[in-house]
Amino acid sequence: MLAGVLSGLHDFKLKDVSKPVIKEDTDVLLRVTATAICTIEVHYAEG
């Protein structure tokens, strides 16, 4: 599956990651169908 990863300053990439698995009875998997960029993410990307 694809995940958006911020690895460092100005280093945002889509990466293939392993699919998460449920390990505990209290774990939940959510499917994200839409997202947006907030001001705080811009600050992290800009430094």
Protein backbone atom coordinates (compact mmCIF):
# COMPACT_ATOMS: atom_id res chain seq x y z
CA MET A 1 0.00 0.00 0.00
CA LEU A 2 1.11 3.61 -0.46
CA ALA A 3 1.89 5.93 2.43
CA GLY A 4 2.86 9.59 2.48
CA VAL A 5 6.15 9.84 4.39
CA LEU A 6 7.88 13.00 5.58
CA SER A 7 11.48 11.86 6.08
CA GLY A 8 13.11 15.25 6.56
CA LEU A 9 13.08 18.88 5.51
CA HIS A 10 11.57 19.13 1.99
CA ASP A 11 11.56 15.32 1.78
CA PHE A 12 7.96 14.15 1.35
CA LYS A 13 7.49 10.97 -0.68
CA LEU A 14 4.93 8.31 -1.44
CA LYS A 15 6.38 4.96 -0.43
CA ASP A 16 5.24 1.37 -0.61
CA VAL A 17 4.83 0.06 2.92
CA SER A 18 3.60 -3.22 4.31
CA LYS A 19 -0.10 -3.50 5.02
CA PRO A 20 -0.88 -3.09 8.74
CA VAL A 21 -2.30 -6.03 10.65
CA ILE A 22 -4.53 -6.28 13.68
CA LYS A 23 -2.52 -7.66 16.63
CA GLU A 24 -4.71 -6.74 19.61
CA ASP A 25 -8.46 -6.88 20.21
CA THR A 26 -8.40 -3.10 20.60
CA ASP A 27 -6.67 -2.43 17.22
CA VAL A 28 -8.60 -0.81 14.37
CA LEU A 29 -7.79 -0.42 10.67
CA LEU A 30 -9.22 2.63 8.89
CA ARG A 31 -9.43 3.26 5.17
CA VAL A 32 -8.70 6.90 4.33
CA THR A 33 -10.65 8.00 1.26
CA ALA A 34 -9.78 11.71 1.29
CA THR A 35 -7.26 14.00 2.95
CA ALA A 36 -5.98 17.57 2.86
CA ILE A 37 -2.83 19.43 3.82
CA CYS A 38 -3.11 21.60 6.91
CA THR A 39 -0.94 24.59 7.82
CA ILE A 40 1.06 22.53 10.34
CA GLU A 41 2.20 20.11 7.59
CA VAL A 42 3.42 23.07 5.53
CA HIS A 43 5.49 24.27 8.52
CA TYR A 44 7.03 20.79 8.91
CA ALA A 45 7.86 20.66 5.19
CA GLU A 46 9.32 24.18 5.13
CA GLY A 47 11.27 23.91 8.40
